Amino acid sequence: IQLSAIDKSIKSLANVILDNHMHTCLIENIENG
């Protein structure tokens, strides 16, 4: 049960980082061609 909770925590964190990446790095790179 605890390992499942850790797995969910890691996936949630990965989604936060991906969301941030798409709203910052991805947009910046596209704007720069």
ModelCIF file with pLDDT and N, C-alpha, C, O atoms, coordinates in Angstrom:
data_MODEL
#
_entry.id   MODEL 
#
_entity.id                         1 
_entity.type                       polymer 
_entity.pdbx_number_of_molecules   1 
#
_entity_poly.entity_id                      1 
_entity_poly.type                           'polypeptide(L)' 
_entity_poly.nstd_linkage                   no 
_entity_poly.nstd_monomer                   no 
_entity_poly.pdbx_seq_one_letter_code       IQLSAIDKSIKSLANVILDNHMHTCLIENIENG 
_entity_poly.pdbx_seq_one_letter_code_can   IQLSAIDKSIKSLANVILDNHMHTCLIENIENG 
_entity_poly.pdbx_strand_id                 A 
#
loop_
_entity_poly_seq.entity_id 
_entity_poly_seq.num 
_entity_poly_seq.mon_id 
_entity_poly_seq.hetero 
1 1  ILE n 
1 2  GLN n 
1 3  LEU n 
1 4  SER n 
1 5  ALA n 
1 6  ILE n 
1 7  ASP n 
1 8  LYS n 
1 9  SER n 
1 10 ILE n 
1 11 LYS n 
1 12 SER n 
1 13 LEU n 
1 14 ALA n 
1 15 ASN n 
1 16 VAL n 
1 17 ILE n 
1 18 LEU n 
1 19 ASP n 
1 20 ASN n 
1 21 HIS n 
1 22 MET n 
1 23 HIS n 
1 24 THR n 
1 25 CYS n 
1 26 LEU n 
1 27 ILE n 
1 28 GLU n 
1 29 ASN n 
1 30 ILE n 
1 31 GLU n 
1 32 ASN n 
1 33 GLY n 
#
_struct_asym.id          A 
_struct_asym.entity_id   1 
#
loop_
_ma_qa_metric.id 
_ma_qa_metric.mode 
_ma_qa_metric.name 
_ma_qa_metric.software_group_id 
_ma_qa_metric.type 
1 global pLDDT . pLDDT 
2 local  pLDDT . pLDDT 
#
_ma_qa_metric_global.metric_id      1 
_ma_qa_metric_global.metric_value   95.06 
_ma_qa_metric_global.model_id       1 
_ma_qa_metric_global.ordinal_id     1 
#
loop_
_ma_qa_metric_local.label_asym_id 
_ma_qa_metric_local.label_comp_id 
_ma_qa_metric_local.label_seq_id 
_ma_qa_metric_local.metric_id 
_ma_qa_metric_local.metric_value 
_ma_qa_metric_local.model_id 
_ma_qa_metric_local.ordinal_id 
A ILE 1  2 98.00 1 1  
A GLN 2  2 98.00 1 2  
A LEU 3  2 98.00 1 3  
A SER 4  2 98.00 1 4  
A ALA 5  2 97.00 1 5  
A ILE 6  2 98.00 1 6  
A ASP 7  2 97.00 1 7  
A LYS 8  2 97.00 1 8  
A SER 9  2 97.00 1 9  
A ILE 10 2 96.00 1 10 
A LYS 11 2 94.00 1 11 
A SER 12 2 95.00 1 12 
A LEU 13 2 96.00 1 13 
A ALA 14 2 93.00 1 14 
A ASN 15 2 92.00 1 15 
A VAL 16 2 95.00 1 16 
A ILE 17 2 94.00 1 17 
A LEU 18 2 91.00 1 18 
A ASP 19 2 93.00 1 19 
A ASN 20 2 94.00 1 20 
A HIS 21 2 92.00 1 21 
A MET 22 2 92.00 1 22 
A HIS 23 2 94.00 1 23 
A THR 24 2 95.00 1 24 
A CYS 25 2 93.00 1 25 
A LEU 26 2 94.00 1 26 
A ILE 27 2 94.00 1 27 
A GLU 28 2 96.00 1 28 
A ASN 29 2 95.00 1 29 
A ILE 30 2 95.00 1 30 
A GLU 31 2 95.00 1 31 
A ASN 32 2 96.00 1 32 
A GLY 33 2 95.00 1 33 
#
loop_
_atom_site.group_PDB 
_atom_site.id 
_atom_site.type_symbol 
_atom_site.label_atom_id 
_atom_site.label_alt_id 
_atom_site.label_comp_id 
_atom_site.label_asym_id 
_atom_site.label_entity_id 
_atom_site.label_seq_id 
_atom_site.pdbx_PDB_ins_code 
_atom_site.Cartn_x 
_atom_site.Cartn_y 
_atom_site.Cartn_z 
_atom_site.occupancy 
_atom_site.B_iso_or_equiv 
_atom_site.pdbx_formal_charge 
_atom_site.auth_seq_id 
_atom_site.auth_comp_id 
_atom_site.auth_asym_id 
_atom_site.auth_atom_id 
_atom_site.pdbx_PDB_model_num 
ATOM 1   N N  . ILE A 1 1  ? 0.838  -1.201 0.000   1.00 98.00 ? 1  ILE A N  1 
ATOM 2   C CA . ILE A 1 1  ? 0.000  0.000  0.000   1.00 98.00 ? 1  ILE A CA 1 
ATOM 3   C C  . ILE A 1 1  ? 0.871  1.248  0.000   1.00 98.00 ? 1  ILE A C  1 
ATOM 4   O O  . ILE A 1 1  ? 0.585  2.207  -0.717  1.00 98.00 ? 1  ILE A O  1 
ATOM 5   N N  . GLN A 1 2  ? 1.927  1.240  0.795   1.00 98.00 ? 2  GLN A N  1 
ATOM 6   C CA . GLN A 1 2  ? 2.840  2.386  0.836   1.00 98.00 ? 2  GLN A CA 1 
ATOM 7   C C  . GLN A 1 2  ? 3.590  2.548  -0.485  1.00 98.00 ? 2  GLN A C  1 
ATOM 8   O O  . GLN A 1 2  ? 3.806  3.670  -0.944  1.00 98.00 ? 2  GLN A O  1 
ATOM 9   N N  . LEU A 1 3  ? 3.982  1.442  -1.090  1.00 98.00 ? 3  LEU A N  1 
ATOM 10  C CA . LEU A 1 3  ? 4.658  1.508  -2.393  1.00 98.00 ? 3  LEU A CA 1 
ATOM 11  C C  . LEU A 1 3  ? 3.720  2.081  -3.462  1.00 98.00 ? 3  LEU A C  1 
ATOM 12  O O  . LEU A 1 3  ? 4.147  2.831  -4.340  1.00 98.00 ? 3  LEU A O  1 
ATOM 13  N N  . SER A 1 4  ? 2.459  1.722  -3.376  1.00 98.00 ? 4  SER A N  1 
ATOM 14  C CA . SER A 1 4  ? 1.475  2.283  -4.310  1.00 98.00 ? 4  SER A CA 1 
ATOM 15  C C  . SER A 1 4  ? 1.347  3.789  -4.116  1.00 98.00 ? 4  SER A C  1 
ATOM 16  O O  . SER A 1 4  ? 1.236  4.537  -5.087  1.00 98.00 ? 4  SER A O  1 
ATOM 17  N N  . ALA A 1 5  ? 1.362  4.227  -2.878  1.00 97.00 ? 5  ALA A N  1 
ATOM 18  C CA . ALA A 1 5  ? 1.288  5.660  -2.583  1.00 97.00 ? 5  ALA A CA 1 
ATOM 19  C C  . ALA A 1 5  ? 2.514  6.387  -3.135  1.00 97.00 ? 5  ALA A C  1 
ATOM 20  O O  . ALA A 1 5  ? 2.396  7.487  -3.674  1.00 97.00 ? 5  ALA A O  1 
ATOM 21  N N  . ILE A 1 6  ? 3.678  5.777  -3.002  1.00 98.00 ? 6  ILE A N  1 
ATOM 22  C CA . ILE A 1 6  ? 4.909  6.366  -3.547  1.00 98.00 ? 6  ILE A CA 1 
ATOM 23  C C  . ILE A 1 6  ? 4.817  6.459  -5.063  1.00 98.00 ? 6  ILE A C  1 
ATOM 24  O O  . ILE A 1 6  ? 5.181  7.477  -5.652  1.00 98.00 ? 6  ILE A O  1 
ATOM 25  N N  . ASP A 1 7  ? 4.335  5.403  -5.689  1.00 97.00 ? 7  ASP A N  1 
ATOM 26  C CA . ASP A 1 7  ? 4.177  5.398  -7.145  1.00 97.00 ? 7  ASP A CA 1 
ATOM 27  C C  . ASP A 1 7  ? 3.274  6.545  -7.596  1.00 97.00 ? 7  ASP A C  1 
ATOM 28  O O  . ASP A 1 7  ? 3.581  7.239  -8.565  1.00 97.00 ? 7  ASP A O  1 
ATOM 29  N N  . LYS A 1 8  ? 2.179  6.737  -6.902  1.00 97.00 ? 8  LYS A N  1 
ATOM 30  C CA . LYS A 1 8  ? 1.259  7.837  -7.240  1.00 97.00 ? 8  LYS A CA 1 
ATOM 31  C C  . LYS A 1 8  ? 1.914  9.191  -7.015  1.00 97.00 ? 8  LYS A C  1 
ATOM 32  O O  . LYS A 1 8  ? 1.712  10.118 -7.800  1.00 97.00 ? 8  LYS A O  1 
ATOM 33  N N  . SER A 1 9  ? 2.693  9.311  -5.955  1.00 97.00 ? 9  SER A N  1 
ATOM 34  C CA . SER A 1 9  ? 3.395  10.564 -5.678  1.00 97.00 ? 9  SER A CA 1 
ATOM 35  C C  . SER A 1 9  ? 4.388  10.897 -6.784  1.00 97.00 ? 9  SER A C  1 
ATOM 36  O O  . SER A 1 9  ? 4.484  12.045 -7.218  1.00 97.00 ? 9  SER A O  1 
ATOM 37  N N  . ILE A 1 10 ? 5.120  9.894  -7.234  1.00 96.00 ? 10 ILE A N  1 
ATOM 38  C CA . ILE A 1 10 ? 6.114  10.106 -8.292  1.00 96.00 ? 10 ILE A CA 1 
ATOM 39  C C  . ILE A 1 10 ? 5.422  10.477 -9.600  1.00 96.00 ? 10 ILE A C  1 
ATOM 40  O O  . ILE A 1 10 ? 5.869  11.386 -10.299 1.00 96.00 ? 10 ILE A O  1 
ATOM 41  N N  . LYS A 1 11 ? 4.341  9.787  -9.936  1.00 94.00 ? 11 LYS A N  1 
ATOM 42  C CA . LYS A 1 11 ? 3.612  10.102 -11.169 1.00 94.00 ? 11 LYS A CA 1 
ATOM 43  C C  . LYS A 1 11 ? 3.033  11.510 -11.109 1.00 94.00 ? 11 LYS A C  1 
ATOM 44  O O  . LYS A 1 11 ? 3.056  12.234 -12.104 1.00 94.00 ? 11 LYS A O  1 
ATOM 45  N N  . SER A 1 12 ? 2.521  11.894 -9.967  1.00 95.00 ? 12 SER A N  1 
ATOM 46  C CA . SER A 1 12 ? 1.968  13.233 -9.804  1.00 95.00 ? 12 SER A CA 1 
ATOM 47  C C  . SER A 1 12 ? 3.055  14.291 -9.977  1.00 95.00 ? 12 SER A C  1 
ATOM 48  O O  . SER A 1 12 ? 2.837  15.305 -10.640 1.00 95.00 ? 12 SER A O  1 
ATOM 49  N N  . LEU A 1 13 ? 4.215  14.059 -9.387  1.00 96.00 ? 13 LEU A N  1 
ATOM 50  C CA . LEU A 1 13 ? 5.332  14.984 -9.520  1.00 96.00 ? 13 LEU A CA 1 
ATOM 51  C C  . LEU A 1 13 ? 5.802  15.062 -10.971 1.00 96.00 ? 13 LEU A C  1 
ATOM 52  O O  . LEU A 1 13 ? 6.104  16.147 -11.467 1.00 96.00 ? 13 LEU A O  1 
ATOM 53  N N  . ALA A 1 14 ? 5.864  13.928 -11.645 1.00 93.00 ? 14 ALA A N  1 
ATOM 54  C CA . ALA A 1 14 ? 6.258  13.921 -13.051 1.00 93.00 ? 14 ALA A CA 1 
ATOM 55  C C  . ALA A 1 14 ? 5.291  14.759 -13.878 1.00 93.00 ? 14 ALA A C  1 
ATOM 56  O O  . ALA A 1 14 ? 5.711  15.478 -14.784 1.00 93.00 ? 14 ALA A O  1 
ATOM 57  N N  . ASN A 1 15 ? 4.007  14.670 -13.574 1.00 92.00 ? 15 ASN A N  1 
ATOM 58  C CA . ASN A 1 15 ? 3.014  15.467 -14.303 1.00 92.00 ? 15 ASN A CA 1 
ATOM 59  C C  . ASN A 1 15 ? 3.190  16.956 -14.042 1.00 92.00 ? 15 ASN A C  1 
ATOM 60  O O  . ASN A 1 15 ? 3.015  17.765 -14.954 1.00 92.00 ? 15 ASN A O  1 
ATOM 61  N N  . VAL A 1 16 ? 3.531  17.330 -12.825 1.00 95.00 ? 16 VAL A N  1 
ATOM 62  C CA . VAL A 1 16 ? 3.778  18.736 -12.505 1.00 95.00 ? 16 VAL A CA 1 
ATOM 63  C C  . VAL A 1 16 ? 4.976  19.251 -13.306 1.00 95.00 ? 16 VAL A C  1 
ATOM 64  O O  . VAL A 1 16 ? 4.928  20.343 -13.872 1.00 95.00 ? 16 VAL A O  1 
ATOM 65  N N  . ILE A 1 17 ? 6.036  18.467 -13.348 1.00 94.00 ? 17 ILE A N  1 
ATOM 66  C CA . ILE A 1 17 ? 7.237  18.875 -14.079 1.00 94.00 ? 17 ILE A CA 1 
ATOM 67  C C  . ILE A 1 17 ? 6.954  18.942 -15.574 1.00 94.00 ? 17 ILE A C  1 
ATOM 68  O O  . ILE A 1 17 ? 7.408  19.867 -16.249 1.00 94.00 ? 17 ILE A O  1 
ATOM 69  N N  . LEU A 1 18 ? 6.212  17.977 -16.097 1.00 91.00 ? 18 LEU A N  1 
ATOM 70  C CA . LEU A 1 18 ? 5.854  17.987 -17.514 1.00 91.00 ? 18 LEU A CA 1 
ATOM 71  C C  . LEU A 1 18 ? 4.999  19.206 -17.846 1.00 91.00 ? 18 LEU A C  1 
ATOM 72  O O  . LEU A 1 18 ? 5.230  19.869 -18.858 1.00 91.00 ? 18 LEU A O  1 
ATOM 73  N N  . ASP A 1 19 ? 4.027  19.502 -17.012 1.00 93.00 ? 19 ASP A N  1 
ATOM 74  C CA . ASP A 1 19 ? 3.173  20.671 -17.217 1.00 93.00 ? 19 ASP A CA 1 
ATOM 75  C C  . ASP A 1 19 ? 4.011  21.944 -17.250 1.00 93.00 ? 19 ASP A C  1 
ATOM 76  O O  . ASP A 1 19 ? 3.836  22.790 -18.127 1.00 93.00 ? 19 ASP A O  1 
ATOM 77  N N  . ASN A 1 20 ? 4.914  22.071 -16.296 1.00 94.00 ? 20 ASN A N  1 
ATOM 78  C CA . ASN A 1 20 ? 5.792  23.233 -16.238 1.00 94.00 ? 20 ASN A CA 1 
ATOM 79  C C  . ASN A 1 20 ? 6.679  23.311 -17.481 1.00 94.00 ? 20 ASN A C  1 
ATOM 80  O O  . ASN A 1 20 ? 6.874  24.386 -18.049 1.00 94.00 ? 20 ASN A O  1 
ATOM 81  N N  . HIS A 1 21 ? 7.207  22.174 -17.891 1.00 92.00 ? 21 HIS A N  1 
ATOM 82  C CA . HIS A 1 21 ? 8.070  22.117 -19.076 1.00 92.00 ? 21 HIS A CA 1 
ATOM 83  C C  . HIS A 1 21 ? 7.329  22.603 -20.312 1.00 92.00 ? 21 HIS A C  1 
ATOM 84  O O  . HIS A 1 21 ? 7.867  23.363 -21.118 1.00 92.00 ? 21 HIS A O  1 
ATOM 85  N N  . MET A 1 22 ? 6.093  22.157 -20.449 1.00 92.00 ? 22 MET A N  1 
ATOM 86  C CA . MET A 1 22 ? 5.323  22.527 -21.631 1.00 92.00 ? 22 MET A CA 1 
ATOM 87  C C  . MET A 1 22 ? 4.962  24.012 -21.632 1.00 92.00 ? 22 MET A C  1 
ATOM 88  O O  . MET A 1 22 ? 4.880  24.625 -22.696 1.00 92.00 ? 22 MET A O  1 
ATOM 89  N N  . HIS A 1 23 ? 4.747  24.588 -20.464 1.00 94.00 ? 23 HIS A N  1 
ATOM 90  C CA . HIS A 1 23 ? 4.367  25.999 -20.378 1.00 94.00 ? 23 HIS A CA 1 
ATOM 91  C C  . HIS A 1 23 ? 5.570  26.948 -20.385 1.00 94.00 ? 23 HIS A C  1 
ATOM 92  O O  . HIS A 1 23 ? 5.400  28.158 -20.533 1.00 94.00 ? 23 HIS A O  1 
ATOM 93  N N  . THR A 1 24 ? 6.761  26.418 -20.230 1.00 95.00 ? 24 THR A N  1 
ATOM 94  C CA . THR A 1 24 ? 7.944  27.284 -20.218 1.00 95.00 ? 24 THR A CA 1 
ATOM 95  C C  . THR A 1 24 ? 8.909  26.900 -21.339 1.00 95.00 ? 24 THR A C  1 
ATOM 96  O O  . THR A 1 24 ? 8.981  27.578 -22.363 1.00 95.00 ? 24 THR A O  1 
ATOM 97  N N  . CYS A 1 25 ? 9.630  25.838 -21.143 1.00 93.00 ? 25 CYS A N  1 
ATOM 98  C CA . CYS A 1 25 ? 10.690 25.434 -22.077 1.00 93.00 ? 25 CYS A CA 1 
ATOM 99  C C  . CYS A 1 25 ? 10.156 25.191 -23.482 1.00 93.00 ? 25 CYS A C  1 
ATOM 100 O O  . CYS A 1 25 ? 10.734 25.667 -24.460 1.00 93.00 ? 25 CYS A O  1 
ATOM 101 N N  . LEU A 1 26 ? 9.062  24.457 -23.584 1.00 94.00 ? 26 LEU A N  1 
ATOM 102 C CA . LEU A 1 26 ? 8.524  24.119 -24.898 1.00 94.00 ? 26 LEU A CA 1 
ATOM 103 C C  . LEU A 1 26 ? 8.109  25.372 -25.664 1.00 94.00 ? 26 LEU A C  1 
ATOM 104 O O  . LEU A 1 26 ? 8.470  25.542 -26.828 1.00 94.00 ? 26 LEU A O  1 
ATOM 105 N N  . ILE A 1 27 ? 7.359  26.238 -25.014 1.00 94.00 ? 27 ILE A N  1 
ATOM 106 C CA . ILE A 1 27 ? 6.907  27.472 -25.661 1.00 94.00 ? 27 ILE A CA 1 
ATOM 107 C C  . ILE A 1 27 ? 8.103  28.344 -26.051 1.00 94.00 ? 27 ILE A C  1 
ATOM 108 O O  . ILE A 1 27 ? 8.144  28.890 -27.154 1.00 94.00 ? 27 ILE A O  1 
ATOM 109 N N  . GLU A 1 28 ? 9.061  28.471 -25.155 1.00 96.00 ? 28 GLU A N  1 
ATOM 110 C CA . GLU A 1 28 ? 10.250 29.285 -25.424 1.00 96.00 ? 28 GLU A CA 1 
ATOM 111 C C  . GLU A 1 28 ? 11.011 28.770 -26.644 1.00 96.00 ? 28 GLU A C  1 
ATOM 112 O O  . GLU A 1 28 ? 11.429 29.556 -27.494 1.00 96.00 ? 28 GLU A O  1 
ATOM 113 N N  . ASN A 1 29 ? 11.189 27.456 -26.731 1.00 95.00 ? 29 ASN A N  1 
ATOM 114 C CA . ASN A 1 29 ? 11.896 26.870 -27.873 1.00 95.00 ? 29 ASN A CA 1 
ATOM 115 C C  . ASN A 1 29 ? 11.149 27.100 -29.176 1.00 95.00 ? 29 ASN A C  1 
ATOM 116 O O  . ASN A 1 29 ? 11.760 27.429 -30.193 1.00 95.00 ? 29 ASN A O  1 
ATOM 117 N N  . ILE A 1 30 ? 9.843  26.931 -29.157 1.00 95.00 ? 30 ILE A N  1 
ATOM 118 C CA . ILE A 1 30 ? 9.048  27.141 -30.373 1.00 95.00 ? 30 ILE A CA 1 
ATOM 119 C C  . ILE A 1 30 ? 9.107  28.607 -30.801 1.00 95.00 ? 30 ILE A C  1 
ATOM 120 O O  . ILE A 1 30 ? 9.244  28.906 -31.987 1.00 95.00 ? 30 ILE A O  1 
ATOM 121 N N  . GLU A 1 31 ? 9.002  29.510 -29.839 1.00 95.00 ? 31 GLU A N  1 
ATOM 122 C CA . GLU A 1 31 ? 9.089  30.935 -30.160 1.00 95.00 ? 31 GLU A CA 1 
ATOM 123 C C  . GLU A 1 31 ? 10.442 31.301 -30.762 1.00 95.00 ? 31 GLU A C  1 
ATOM 124 O O  . GLU A 1 31 ? 10.541 32.236 -31.556 1.00 95.00 ? 31 GLU A O  1 
ATOM 125 N N  . ASN A 1 32 ? 11.483 30.560 -30.383 1.00 96.00 ? 32 ASN A N  1 
ATOM 126 C CA . ASN A 1 32 ? 12.825 30.807 -30.914 1.00 96.00 ? 32 ASN A CA 1 
ATOM 127 C C  . ASN A 1 32 ? 13.109 30.005 -32.183 1.00 96.00 ? 32 ASN A C  1 
ATOM 128 O O  . ASN A 1 32 ? 14.237 29.985 -32.674 1.00 96.00 ? 32 ASN A O  1 
ATOM 129 N N  . GLY A 1 33 ? 12.077 29.345 -32.707 1.00 95.00 ? 33 GLY A N  1 
ATOM 130 C CA . GLY A 1 33 ? 12.227 28.630 -33.961 1.00 95.00 ? 33 GLY A CA 1 
ATOM 131 C C  . GLY A 1 33 ? 12.775 27.218 -33.857 1.00 95.00 ? 33 GLY A C  1 
ATOM 132 O O  . GLY A 1 33 ? 12.935 26.541 -34.872 1.00 95.00 ? 33 GLY A O  1 
#
